[in-house]
Amino acid sequence: MRLRSGQAAPLFEVADIYGRRVRLADYRGRKLLLAFYRAAVCPLCNVRTFHLIRRYEEYQRRGMQIVVFFESSPDLAHHYLDRLRSPFPIIADLKHEIYDHYGVGASLFGALWARLTRLSVYREAAQRGIGGNAVQNITQMDGKLGRLPGDFLIGPDLHIRRAYYGKDAGDFLLFSEIDEFVAAYPPHSSATTGSPWAPPPPRNPAY
């Protein structure tokens, strides 16, 4: 069932791909973007994550944290995502348990539509060397082929301010909406702007 603005965000406690515990309750008092993406091989989701990483320092300075889920095994998540060197936690949820709690759906038509209409994003992924190629997108798509993304803006009280369900595989919440959310809840002290999650030590990216 899809969630709506005003509802309490479903709590979870999981391990990220480096084995660190991530608890939604630890983000109380902070603004949070909670994002659900397709399998780690997906070029569209890799490009989205790349641009989130580029914006993260500014978002963190303004009191917002990010947690990202991929519907993949930890091994494939490492293979495709380590090269991005994410400063925020990435969680592999191949069994889509948390996806189900947040009502994130799937549509084979939505996946096909993105393949046909988002060619510029696929080209960007290829230029940046992130995500998989056309063959890998079939052979290493360990999550649901039709999985669609979902973005949730969660307030300091852990209630959902915006629930966005993508209409196709490359349809994400606009950055302009995220920026408006960040501006609407300015940080009040350094005690609520730091991340409750410590980033892992650098790894050699796996290509």
N, C-alpha and C. Protein backbone atom coordinates (compact mmCIF):
# COMPACT_ATOMS: atom_id res chain seq x y z
N MET A 1 0.85 -1.20 0.00
CA MET A 1 0.00 0.00 0.00
C MET A 1 0.88 1.25 0.00
N ARG A 2 0.54 2.20 -0.85
CA ARG A 2 1.33 3.42 -0.92
C ARG A 2 1.12 4.27 0.31
N LEU A 3 2.20 4.98 0.69
CA LEU A 3 2.15 5.87 1.84
C LEU A 3 1.79 7.27 1.37
N ARG A 4 1.37 8.09 2.33
CA ARG A 4 0.96 9.46 2.01
C ARG A 4 1.63 10.44 2.96
N SER A 5 1.66 11.69 2.55
CA SER A 5 2.20 12.75 3.40
C SER A 5 1.42 12.79 4.71
N GLY A 6 2.14 12.98 5.81
CA GLY A 6 1.53 13.04 7.12
C GLY A 6 1.61 11.74 7.89
N GLN A 7 1.83 10.63 7.20
CA GLN A 7 1.94 9.35 7.89
C GLN A 7 3.31 9.21 8.53
N ALA A 8 3.35 8.43 9.60
CA ALA A 8 4.64 8.10 10.21
C ALA A 8 5.41 7.19 9.26
N ALA A 9 6.67 7.48 9.06
CA ALA A 9 7.49 6.63 8.21
C ALA A 9 7.71 5.27 8.88
N PRO A 10 7.50 4.17 8.18
CA PRO A 10 7.72 2.85 8.76
C PRO A 10 9.15 2.70 9.26
N LEU A 11 9.29 2.28 10.50
CA LEU A 11 10.63 2.13 11.08
C LEU A 11 11.33 0.90 10.52
N PHE A 12 12.64 0.96 10.50
CA PHE A 12 13.43 -0.19 10.06
C PHE A 12 14.78 -0.14 10.75
N GLU A 13 15.40 -1.29 10.84
CA GLU A 13 16.78 -1.42 11.32
C GLU A 13 17.44 -2.47 10.44
N VAL A 14 18.42 -2.06 9.65
CA VAL A 14 19.06 -2.94 8.68
C VAL A 14 20.56 -2.68 8.69
N ALA A 15 21.29 -3.54 7.99
CA ALA A 15 22.73 -3.33 7.80
C ALA A 15 22.97 -2.77 6.41
N ASP A 16 23.89 -1.82 6.30
CA ASP A 16 24.25 -1.33 4.98
C ASP A 16 25.23 -2.31 4.35
N ILE A 17 25.71 -2.00 3.15
CA ILE A 17 26.55 -2.97 2.44
C ILE A 17 27.92 -3.15 3.07
N TYR A 18 28.27 -2.31 4.06
CA TYR A 18 29.53 -2.46 4.79
C TYR A 18 29.31 -3.07 6.18
N GLY A 19 28.07 -3.48 6.47
CA GLY A 19 27.77 -4.13 7.73
C GLY A 19 27.42 -3.19 8.86
N ARG A 20 27.35 -1.89 8.60
CA ARG A 20 26.99 -0.93 9.64
C ARG A 20 25.47 -0.87 9.78
N ARG A 21 25.02 -0.79 11.03
CA ARG A 21 23.60 -0.75 11.29
C ARG A 21 23.03 0.62 10.93
N VAL A 22 21.88 0.62 10.30
CA VAL A 22 21.17 1.84 9.94
C VAL A 22 19.76 1.74 10.50
N ARG A 23 19.42 2.65 11.42
CA ARG A 23 18.11 2.65 12.05
C ARG A 23 17.40 3.96 11.73
N LEU A 24 16.18 3.86 11.23
CA LEU A 24 15.46 5.09 10.94
C LEU A 24 15.30 5.93 12.19
N ALA A 25 15.11 5.30 13.34
CA ALA A 25 14.90 6.04 14.59
C ALA A 25 16.08 6.95 14.92
N ASP A 26 17.27 6.61 14.44
CA ASP A 26 18.45 7.43 14.72
C ASP A 26 18.43 8.75 13.96
N TYR A 27 17.53 8.88 13.01
CA TYR A 27 17.44 10.12 12.23
C TYR A 27 16.40 11.09 12.80
N ARG A 28 15.84 10.75 13.92
CA ARG A 28 14.90 11.68 14.56
C ARG A 28 15.63 12.99 14.86
N GLY A 29 14.97 14.10 14.55
CA GLY A 29 15.59 15.40 14.72
C GLY A 29 16.34 15.88 13.49
N ARG A 30 16.41 15.05 12.46
CA ARG A 30 17.08 15.40 11.22
C ARG A 30 16.09 15.30 10.06
N LYS A 31 16.38 16.03 9.01
CA LYS A 31 15.64 15.85 7.76
C LYS A 31 16.29 14.69 7.00
N LEU A 32 15.47 13.95 6.27
CA LEU A 32 16.00 12.76 5.61
C LEU A 32 15.35 12.56 4.25
N LEU A 33 16.19 12.26 3.25
CA LEU A 33 15.70 11.74 1.97
C LEU A 33 15.94 10.24 1.99
N LEU A 34 14.87 9.49 1.90
CA LEU A 34 14.93 8.03 1.86
C LEU A 34 14.57 7.61 0.44
N ALA A 35 15.52 6.99 -0.25
CA ALA A 35 15.34 6.68 -1.67
C ALA A 35 15.41 5.18 -1.91
N PHE A 36 14.50 4.70 -2.76
CA PHE A 36 14.46 3.28 -3.14
C PHE A 36 14.69 3.19 -4.64
N TYR A 37 15.74 2.45 -5.02
CA TYR A 37 16.11 2.35 -6.42
C TYR A 37 16.00 0.91 -6.89
N ARG A 38 16.26 0.73 -8.17
CA ARG A 38 16.20 -0.59 -8.78
C ARG A 38 17.47 -1.38 -8.41
N ALA A 39 17.78 -2.39 -9.17
CA ALA A 39 18.99 -3.18 -8.92
C ALA A 39 20.23 -2.31 -9.14
N ALA A 40 21.32 -2.70 -8.51
CA ALA A 40 22.55 -1.90 -8.56
C ALA A 40 23.10 -1.74 -9.97
N VAL A 41 22.74 -2.63 -10.88
CA VAL A 41 23.21 -2.55 -12.26
C VAL A 41 22.55 -1.42 -13.04
N CYS A 42 21.44 -0.90 -12.56
CA CYS A 42 20.63 0.07 -13.30
C CYS A 42 21.39 1.37 -13.56
N PRO A 43 21.65 1.74 -14.81
CA PRO A 43 22.35 3.00 -15.10
C PRO A 43 21.58 4.22 -14.63
N LEU A 44 20.26 4.19 -14.75
CA LEU A 44 19.45 5.34 -14.34
C LEU A 44 19.63 5.63 -12.86
N CYS A 45 19.63 4.58 -12.06
CA CYS A 45 19.76 4.75 -10.61
C CYS A 45 21.19 5.11 -10.22
N ASN A 46 22.16 4.63 -10.98
CA ASN A 46 23.55 5.01 -10.73
C ASN A 46 23.76 6.50 -11.00
N VAL A 47 23.18 7.00 -12.08
CA VAL A 47 23.31 8.42 -12.38
C VAL A 47 22.63 9.25 -11.30
N ARG A 48 21.44 8.82 -10.87
CA ARG A 48 20.75 9.54 -9.81
C ARG A 48 21.61 9.57 -8.55
N THR A 49 22.18 8.44 -8.18
CA THR A 49 23.02 8.38 -6.98
C THR A 49 24.25 9.28 -7.14
N PHE A 50 24.84 9.29 -8.31
CA PHE A 50 25.98 10.16 -8.59
C PHE A 50 25.63 11.62 -8.31
N HIS A 51 24.46 12.06 -8.76
CA HIS A 51 24.09 13.46 -8.56
C HIS A 51 23.69 13.74 -7.11
N LEU A 52 23.16 12.75 -6.42
CA LEU A 52 22.91 12.93 -4.99
C LEU A 52 24.22 13.11 -4.24
N ILE A 53 25.21 12.33 -4.61
CA ILE A 53 26.52 12.44 -3.95
C ILE A 53 27.11 13.83 -4.18
N ARG A 54 26.97 14.36 -5.38
CA ARG A 54 27.50 15.69 -5.67
C ARG A 54 26.82 16.77 -4.83
N ARG A 55 25.55 16.55 -4.50
CA ARG A 55 24.80 17.54 -3.72
C ARG A 55 24.87 17.29 -2.22
N TYR A 56 25.41 16.14 -1.81
CA TYR A 56 25.27 15.72 -0.42
C TYR A 56 25.94 16.66 0.57
N GLU A 57 27.10 17.17 0.24
CA GLU A 57 27.79 18.05 1.19
C GLU A 57 26.93 19.25 1.54
N GLU A 58 26.30 19.84 0.53
CA GLU A 58 25.42 20.98 0.77
C GLU A 58 24.17 20.56 1.53
N TYR A 59 23.59 19.43 1.17
CA TYR A 59 22.41 18.95 1.90
C TYR A 59 22.75 18.68 3.36
N GLN A 60 23.89 18.05 3.61
CA GLN A 60 24.28 17.75 4.98
C GLN A 60 24.52 19.04 5.77
N ARG A 61 25.14 20.01 5.12
CA ARG A 61 25.38 21.29 5.79
C ARG A 61 24.08 21.95 6.22
N ARG A 62 23.04 21.71 5.44
CA ARG A 62 21.73 22.31 5.72
C ARG A 62 20.82 21.36 6.50
N GLY A 63 21.40 20.29 7.02
CA GLY A 63 20.68 19.45 7.97
C GLY A 63 19.93 18.28 7.41
N MET A 64 20.16 17.91 6.14
CA MET A 64 19.45 16.76 5.59
C MET A 64 20.41 15.60 5.33
N GLN A 65 19.97 14.41 5.71
CA GLN A 65 20.72 13.19 5.47
C GLN A 65 20.06 12.40 4.34
N ILE A 66 20.76 11.40 3.85
CA ILE A 66 20.28 10.56 2.75
C ILE A 66 20.54 9.10 3.10
N VAL A 67 19.57 8.26 2.83
CA VAL A 67 19.73 6.80 2.90
C VAL A 67 19.16 6.23 1.61
N VAL A 68 19.92 5.34 0.96
CA VAL A 68 19.51 4.80 -0.33
C VAL A 68 19.45 3.28 -0.27
N PHE A 69 18.37 2.73 -0.81
CA PHE A 69 18.19 1.28 -0.94
C PHE A 69 18.35 0.87 -2.39
N PHE A 70 18.99 -0.27 -2.62
CA PHE A 70 19.03 -0.90 -3.93
C PHE A 70 18.51 -2.33 -3.79
N GLU A 71 17.73 -2.75 -4.77
CA GLU A 71 17.18 -4.11 -4.73
C GLU A 71 18.18 -5.07 -5.38
N SER A 72 19.24 -5.35 -4.65
CA SER A 72 20.33 -6.18 -5.14
C SER A 72 20.96 -6.95 -4.00
N SER A 73 21.75 -7.93 -4.36
CA SER A 73 22.58 -8.62 -3.37
C SER A 73 23.72 -7.71 -2.96
N PRO A 74 24.29 -7.91 -1.78
CA PRO A 74 25.45 -7.10 -1.38
C PRO A 74 26.61 -7.20 -2.37
N ASP A 75 26.82 -8.39 -2.96
CA ASP A 75 27.94 -8.55 -3.89
C ASP A 75 27.79 -7.66 -5.12
N LEU A 76 26.61 -7.66 -5.73
CA LEU A 76 26.41 -6.82 -6.90
C LEU A 76 26.35 -5.34 -6.53
N ALA A 77 25.84 -5.06 -5.34
CA ALA A 77 25.84 -3.67 -4.88
C ALA A 77 27.28 -3.16 -4.78
N HIS A 78 28.17 -3.96 -4.20
CA HIS A 78 29.58 -3.56 -4.14
C HIS A 78 30.17 -3.41 -5.54
N HIS A 79 29.87 -4.35 -6.40
CA HIS A 79 30.47 -4.36 -7.73
C HIS A 79 30.16 -3.08 -8.51
N TYR A 80 28.91 -2.63 -8.42
CA TYR A 80 28.51 -1.46 -9.20
C TYR A 80 28.59 -0.14 -8.44
N LEU A 81 28.47 -0.18 -7.13
CA LEU A 81 28.31 1.07 -6.39
C LEU A 81 29.55 1.52 -5.63
N ASP A 82 30.49 0.63 -5.37
CA ASP A 82 31.70 1.04 -4.65
C ASP A 82 32.43 2.15 -5.39
N ARG A 83 32.39 2.10 -6.72
CA ARG A 83 33.11 3.11 -7.51
C ARG A 83 32.56 4.51 -7.29
N LEU A 84 31.32 4.63 -6.81
CA LEU A 84 30.73 5.94 -6.56
C LEU A 84 31.24 6.56 -5.26
N ARG A 85 31.76 5.72 -4.35
CA ARG A 85 32.28 6.19 -3.06
C ARG A 85 31.24 7.04 -2.33
N SER A 86 30.12 6.45 -2.10
CA SER A 86 29.00 7.17 -1.48
C SER A 86 29.33 7.59 -0.05
N PRO A 87 29.06 8.85 0.30
CA PRO A 87 29.27 9.31 1.67
C PRO A 87 28.07 9.03 2.57
N PHE A 88 27.00 8.49 2.02
CA PHE A 88 25.82 8.13 2.81
C PHE A 88 25.56 6.63 2.67
N PRO A 89 24.80 6.05 3.59
CA PRO A 89 24.61 4.59 3.58
C PRO A 89 23.82 4.10 2.38
N ILE A 90 24.28 2.97 1.85
CA ILE A 90 23.59 2.25 0.78
C ILE A 90 23.23 0.87 1.32
N ILE A 91 21.99 0.50 1.15
CA ILE A 91 21.48 -0.74 1.72
C ILE A 91 21.02 -1.65 0.59
N ALA A 92 21.47 -2.89 0.63
CA ALA A 92 21.06 -3.90 -0.35
C ALA A 92 19.87 -4.67 0.23
N ASP A 93 18.74 -4.59 -0.44
CA ASP A 93 17.51 -5.22 0.05
C ASP A 93 16.93 -6.09 -1.06
N LEU A 94 17.63 -7.19 -1.39
CA LEU A 94 17.21 -8.04 -2.49
C LEU A 94 15.85 -8.67 -2.24
N LYS A 95 15.52 -8.91 -0.98
CA LYS A 95 14.22 -9.50 -0.65
C LYS A 95 13.11 -8.46 -0.63
N HIS A 96 13.45 -7.21 -0.93
CA HIS A 96 12.53 -6.06 -0.99
C HIS A 96 11.59 -5.96 0.21
N GLU A 97 12.11 -6.27 1.39
CA GLU A 97 11.29 -6.20 2.60
C GLU A 97 10.92 -4.75 2.95
N ILE A 98 11.91 -3.85 2.90
CA ILE A 98 11.62 -2.46 3.23
C ILE A 98 10.88 -1.80 2.07
N TYR A 99 11.16 -2.21 0.85
CA TYR A 99 10.40 -1.73 -0.30
C TYR A 99 8.90 -1.96 -0.08
N ASP A 100 8.57 -3.16 0.39
CA ASP A 100 7.16 -3.50 0.60
C ASP A 100 6.54 -2.64 1.69
N HIS A 101 7.31 -2.36 2.74
CA HIS A 101 6.79 -1.52 3.83
C HIS A 101 6.45 -0.12 3.33
N TYR A 102 7.20 0.35 2.34
CA TYR A 102 6.99 1.70 1.82
C TYR A 102 6.12 1.71 0.55
N GLY A 103 5.62 0.57 0.17
CA GLY A 103 4.71 0.50 -0.96
C GLY A 103 5.34 0.79 -2.31
N VAL A 104 6.63 0.54 -2.45
CA VAL A 104 7.33 0.81 -3.71
C VAL A 104 7.01 -0.33 -4.68
N GLY A 105 6.49 0.01 -5.86
CA GLY A 105 5.97 -0.99 -6.77
C GLY A 105 6.86 -1.32 -7.94
N ALA A 106 6.28 -2.01 -8.91
CA ALA A 106 6.99 -2.44 -10.10
C ALA A 106 6.05 -2.40 -11.30
N SER A 107 6.63 -2.20 -12.47
CA SER A 107 5.86 -2.15 -13.71
C SER A 107 6.80 -2.45 -14.87
N LEU A 108 6.58 -3.55 -15.57
CA LEU A 108 7.41 -3.85 -16.73
C LEU A 108 7.26 -2.78 -17.81
N PHE A 109 6.05 -2.24 -17.95
CA PHE A 109 5.85 -1.17 -18.92
C PHE A 109 6.68 0.06 -18.54
N GLY A 110 6.71 0.38 -17.22
CA GLY A 110 7.49 1.52 -16.76
C GLY A 110 8.97 1.35 -17.02
N ALA A 111 9.47 0.12 -16.89
CA ALA A 111 10.88 -0.14 -17.17
C ALA A 111 11.17 0.01 -18.66
N LEU A 112 10.27 -0.51 -19.50
CA LEU A 112 10.44 -0.40 -20.95
C LEU A 112 10.34 1.05 -21.40
N TRP A 113 9.41 1.79 -20.83
CA TRP A 113 9.22 3.20 -21.22
C TRP A 113 10.49 4.01 -20.93
N ALA A 114 11.10 3.76 -19.78
CA ALA A 114 12.34 4.47 -19.43
C ALA A 114 13.45 4.10 -20.41
N ARG A 115 13.51 2.84 -20.82
CA ARG A 115 14.54 2.40 -21.77
C ARG A 115 14.41 3.13 -23.10
N LEU A 116 13.17 3.47 -23.46
CA LEU A 116 12.92 4.11 -24.75
C LEU A 116 13.01 5.63 -24.69
N THR A 117 12.76 6.21 -23.53
CA THR A 117 12.61 7.67 -23.45
C THR A 117 13.73 8.37 -22.69
N ARG A 118 14.58 7.66 -22.01
CA ARG A 118 15.62 8.29 -21.19
C ARG A 118 17.02 7.95 -21.72
N LEU A 119 17.15 8.03 -23.02
CA LEU A 119 18.42 7.66 -23.65
C LEU A 119 19.56 8.57 -23.21
N SER A 120 19.27 9.85 -22.95
CA SER A 120 20.33 10.76 -22.53
C SER A 120 20.93 10.36 -21.19
N VAL A 121 20.11 9.79 -20.31
CA VAL A 121 20.61 9.35 -19.00
C VAL A 121 21.46 8.10 -19.17
N TYR A 122 21.02 7.20 -20.03
CA TYR A 122 21.84 6.02 -20.32
C TYR A 122 23.19 6.43 -20.91
N ARG A 123 23.18 7.42 -21.79
CA ARG A 123 24.45 7.90 -22.35
C ARG A 123 25.33 8.52 -21.27
N GLU A 124 24.73 9.25 -20.35
CA GLU A 124 25.52 9.84 -19.26
C GLU A 124 26.16 8.75 -18.41
N ALA A 125 25.40 7.70 -18.12
CA ALA A 125 25.95 6.59 -17.33
C ALA A 125 27.14 5.96 -18.05
N ALA A 126 27.01 5.76 -19.35
CA ALA A 126 28.11 5.16 -20.12
C ALA A 126 29.33 6.08 -20.12
N GLN A 127 29.11 7.37 -20.26
CA GLN A 127 30.22 8.33 -20.26
C GLN A 127 30.94 8.35 -18.92
N ARG A 128 30.19 8.19 -17.85
CA ARG A 128 30.78 8.23 -16.51
C ARG A 128 31.29 6.86 -16.07
N GLY A 129 30.99 5.82 -16.82
CA GLY A 129 31.44 4.48 -16.47
C GLY A 129 30.74 3.92 -15.24
N ILE A 130 29.46 4.22 -15.11
CA ILE A 130 28.69 3.71 -13.96
C ILE A 130 27.48 2.93 -14.46
N GLY A 131 27.02 2.00 -13.63
CA GLY A 131 25.92 1.14 -14.06
C GLY A 131 26.41 0.08 -15.03
N GLY A 132 25.46 -0.74 -15.50
CA GLY A 132 25.82 -1.82 -16.41
C GLY A 132 25.51 -1.49 -17.86
N ASN A 133 26.04 -2.31 -18.76
CA ASN A 133 25.74 -2.15 -20.17
C ASN A 133 24.44 -2.88 -20.51
N ALA A 134 24.09 -2.89 -21.79
CA ALA A 134 22.80 -3.46 -22.19
C ALA A 134 22.69 -4.93 -21.81
N VAL A 135 23.77 -5.69 -21.97
CA VAL A 135 23.73 -7.11 -21.63
C VAL A 135 23.66 -7.29 -20.13
N GLN A 136 24.48 -6.57 -19.38
CA GLN A 136 24.48 -6.69 -17.92
C GLN A 136 23.15 -6.29 -17.32
N ASN A 137 22.45 -5.37 -17.97
CA ASN A 137 21.15 -4.94 -17.45
C ASN A 137 20.11 -6.05 -17.51
N ILE A 138 20.42 -7.09 -18.23
CA ILE A 138 19.54 -8.27 -18.25
C ILE A 138 20.13 -9.38 -17.38
N THR A 139 21.41 -9.67 -17.56
CA THR A 139 22.01 -10.81 -16.87
C THR A 139 22.29 -10.54 -15.40
N GLN A 140 22.47 -9.26 -15.00
CA GLN A 140 22.79 -8.95 -13.61
C GLN A 140 21.71 -8.11 -12.94
N MET A 141 20.52 -8.12 -13.51
CA MET A 141 19.37 -7.47 -12.88
C MET A 141 18.79 -8.45 -11.86
N ASP A 142 19.36 -8.44 -10.65
CA ASP A 142 18.94 -9.43 -9.67
C ASP A 142 17.68 -9.03 -8.93
N GLY A 143 17.27 -7.77 -9.01
CA GLY A 143 15.99 -7.36 -8.46
C GLY A 143 14.90 -7.53 -9.50
N LYS A 144 13.71 -7.07 -9.20
CA LYS A 144 12.61 -7.16 -10.16
C LYS A 144 12.91 -6.31 -11.38
N LEU A 145 12.72 -6.89 -12.56
CA LEU A 145 13.01 -6.18 -13.79
C LEU A 145 12.18 -4.90 -13.91
N GLY A 146 10.95 -4.95 -13.44
CA GLY A 146 10.06 -3.79 -13.55
C GLY A 146 10.05 -2.89 -12.32
N ARG A 147 10.99 -3.06 -11.43
CA ARG A 147 11.00 -2.24 -10.22
C ARG A 147 11.03 -0.75 -10.58
N LEU A 148 10.20 0.02 -9.89
CA LEU A 148 10.18 1.48 -10.07
C LEU A 148 10.76 2.15 -8.84
N PRO A 149 11.35 3.32 -8.99
CA PRO A 149 11.94 4.02 -7.84
C PRO A 149 10.90 4.71 -6.98
N GLY A 150 11.30 5.03 -5.76
CA GLY A 150 10.46 5.81 -4.86
C GLY A 150 11.32 6.71 -3.99
N ASP A 151 10.86 7.93 -3.77
CA ASP A 151 11.59 8.90 -2.94
C ASP A 151 10.66 9.41 -1.84
N PHE A 152 11.20 9.49 -0.62
CA PHE A 152 10.42 9.93 0.52
C PHE A 152 11.19 11.00 1.29
N LEU A 153 10.56 12.15 1.45
CA LEU A 153 11.12 13.21 2.28
C LEU A 153 10.52 13.07 3.67
N ILE A 154 11.38 12.89 4.65
CA ILE A 154 10.94 12.60 6.01
C ILE A 154 11.40 13.72 6.93
N GLY A 155 10.45 14.26 7.71
CA GLY A 155 10.74 15.38 8.58
C GLY A 155 11.44 14.95 9.86
N PRO A 156 11.87 15.91 10.68
CA PRO A 156 12.57 15.60 11.93
C PRO A 156 11.75 14.77 12.91
N ASP A 157 10.42 14.79 12.75
CA ASP A 157 9.55 13.98 13.61
C ASP A 157 9.31 12.59 13.05
N LEU A 158 10.03 12.23 11.98
CA LEU A 158 9.93 10.93 11.30
C LEU A 158 8.56 10.72 10.66
N HIS A 159 7.90 11.81 10.29
CA HIS A 159 6.68 11.72 9.50
C HIS A 159 7.00 12.12 8.05
N ILE A 160 6.29 11.50 7.14
CA ILE A 160 6.53 11.72 5.72
C ILE A 160 5.99 13.08 5.30
N ARG A 161 6.85 13.89 4.70
CA ARG A 161 6.43 15.17 4.15
C ARG A 161 6.07 15.05 2.67
N ARG A 162 6.72 14.13 1.98
CA ARG A 162 6.44 13.93 0.55
C ARG A 162 6.75 12.48 0.21
N ALA A 163 5.78 11.80 -0.38
CA ALA A 163 5.97 10.43 -0.87
C ALA A 163 5.84 10.46 -2.39
N TYR A 164 6.91 10.13 -3.07
CA TYR A 164 6.92 10.20 -4.52
C TYR A 164 7.20 8.81 -5.09
N TYR A 165 6.28 8.32 -5.90
CA TYR A 165 6.41 7.01 -6.54
C TYR A 165 6.66 7.22 -8.03
N GLY A 166 7.81 6.77 -8.51
CA GLY A 166 8.17 6.98 -9.90
C GLY A 166 7.21 6.30 -10.85
N LYS A 167 6.93 6.95 -11.96
CA LYS A 167 6.03 6.39 -12.97
C LYS A 167 6.77 5.51 -13.96
N ASP A 168 8.07 5.67 -14.05
CA ASP A 168 8.89 4.78 -14.87
C ASP A 168 10.22 4.58 -14.16
N ALA A 169 11.09 3.76 -14.74
CA ALA A 169 12.32 3.36 -14.05
C ALA A 169 13.31 4.49 -13.85
N GLY A 170 13.12 5.61 -14.53
CA GLY A 170 14.02 6.74 -14.35
C GLY A 170 13.33 7.98 -13.84
N ASP A 171 12.18 7.80 -13.22
CA ASP A 171 11.38 8.93 -12.74
C ASP A 171 11.62 9.13 -11.25
N PHE A 172 12.37 10.18 -10.92
CA PHE A 172 12.72 10.46 -9.53
C PHE A 172 12.12 11.81 -9.10
N LEU A 173 12.04 12.01 -7.80
CA LEU A 173 11.60 13.29 -7.27
C LEU A 173 12.52 14.40 -7.76
N LEU A 174 11.96 15.49 -8.20
CA LEU A 174 12.76 16.59 -8.72
C LEU A 174 13.66 17.17 -7.63
N PHE A 175 14.86 17.54 -8.01
CA PHE A 175 15.77 18.17 -7.05
C PHE A 175 15.20 19.49 -6.54
N SER A 176 14.40 20.17 -7.35
CA SER A 176 13.80 21.42 -6.90
C SER A 176 12.87 21.17 -5.70
N GLU A 177 12.16 20.04 -5.68
CA GLU A 177 11.31 19.72 -4.55
C GLU A 177 12.13 19.37 -3.32
N ILE A 178 13.23 18.67 -3.53
CA ILE A 178 14.11 18.35 -2.41
C ILE A 178 14.69 19.62 -1.82
N ASP A 179 15.10 20.54 -2.68
CA ASP A 179 15.66 21.81 -2.21
C ASP A 179 14.63 22.61 -1.41
N GLU A 180 13.38 22.59 -1.84
CA GLU A 180 12.32 23.29 -1.11
C GLU A 180 12.13 22.66 0.28
N PHE A 181 12.19 21.35 0.34
CA PHE A 181 12.06 20.65 1.62
C PHE A 181 13.21 21.03 2.56
N VAL A 182 14.42 21.05 2.02
CA VAL A 182 15.59 21.42 2.83
C VAL A 182 15.44 22.84 3.37
N ALA A 183 14.97 23.74 2.52
CA ALA A 183 14.83 25.14 2.93
C ALA A 183 13.72 25.34 3.95
N ALA A 184 12.71 24.49 3.92
CA ALA A 184 11.55 24.65 4.81
C ALA A 184 11.86 24.27 6.25
N TYR A 185 12.90 23.48 6.47
CA TYR A 185 13.23 23.03 7.82
C TYR A 185 14.70 23.31 8.09
N PRO A 186 15.06 24.56 8.36
CA PRO A 186 16.46 24.90 8.60
C PRO A 186 16.98 24.22 9.85
N PRO A 187 18.25 23.79 9.84
CA PRO A 187 18.82 23.16 11.03
C PRO A 187 18.91 24.16 12.18
N HIS A 188 18.71 23.66 13.40
CA HIS A 188 18.72 24.54 14.56
C HIS A 188 20.02 24.45 15.36
N SER A 189 20.72 23.35 15.23
CA SER A 189 21.97 23.21 15.97
C SER A 189 22.80 22.13 15.32
N SER A 190 24.09 22.14 15.62
CA SER A 190 24.97 21.13 15.06
C SER A 190 24.62 19.75 15.58
N ALA A 191 23.90 19.68 16.69
CA ALA A 191 23.53 18.39 17.27
C ALA A 191 22.58 17.63 16.37
N THR A 192 21.87 18.33 15.49
CA THR A 192 20.91 17.64 14.64
C THR A 192 21.32 17.65 13.17
N THR A 193 22.49 18.13 12.85
CA THR A 193 22.90 18.18 11.45
C THR A 193 23.90 17.10 11.09
N GLY A 194 24.63 16.56 12.04
CA GLY A 194 25.59 15.51 11.74
C GLY A 194 24.89 14.20 11.43
N SER A 195 25.60 13.32 10.72
CA SER A 195 25.02 12.03 10.36
C SER A 195 25.16 11.05 11.52
N PRO A 196 24.12 10.24 11.79
CA PRO A 196 24.24 9.19 12.82
C PRO A 196 24.98 7.97 12.29
N TRP A 197 25.40 8.02 11.05
CA TRP A 197 26.06 6.89 10.38
C TRP A 197 27.47 7.29 10.00
N ALA A 198 28.44 6.48 10.37
CA ALA A 198 29.83 6.78 10.05
C ALA A 198 30.21 6.15 8.72
N PRO A 199 30.73 6.91 7.76
CA PRO A 199 31.10 6.32 6.47
C PRO A 199 32.23 5.32 6.62
N PRO A 200 32.29 4.32 5.74
CA PRO A 200 33.32 3.31 5.81
C PRO A 200 34.66 3.85 5.32
N PRO A 201 35.74 3.17 5.62
CA PRO A 201 37.03 3.57 5.07
C PRO A 201 37.02 3.40 3.56
N PRO A 202 37.89 4.12 2.83
CA PRO A 202 37.93 4.00 1.37
C PRO A 202 38.22 2.56 0.93
N ARG A 203 37.56 2.17 -0.15
CA ARG A 203 37.81 0.85 -0.76
C ARG A 203 38.25 1.08 -2.19
N ASN A 204 38.93 0.10 -2.74
CA ASN A 204 39.22 0.17 -4.17
C ASN A 204 37.96 -0.15 -4.92
N PRO A 205 37.55 0.72 -5.86
CA PRO A 205 36.32 0.46 -6.60
C PRO A 205 36.42 -0.83 -7.41
N ALA A 206 35.30 -1.54 -7.46
CA ALA A 206 35.26 -2.81 -8.22
C ALA A 206 34.61 -2.57 -9.57
N TYR A 207 35.35 -2.72 -10.64
CA TYR A 207 34.80 -2.50 -11.97
C TYR A 207 34.57 -3.83 -12.65
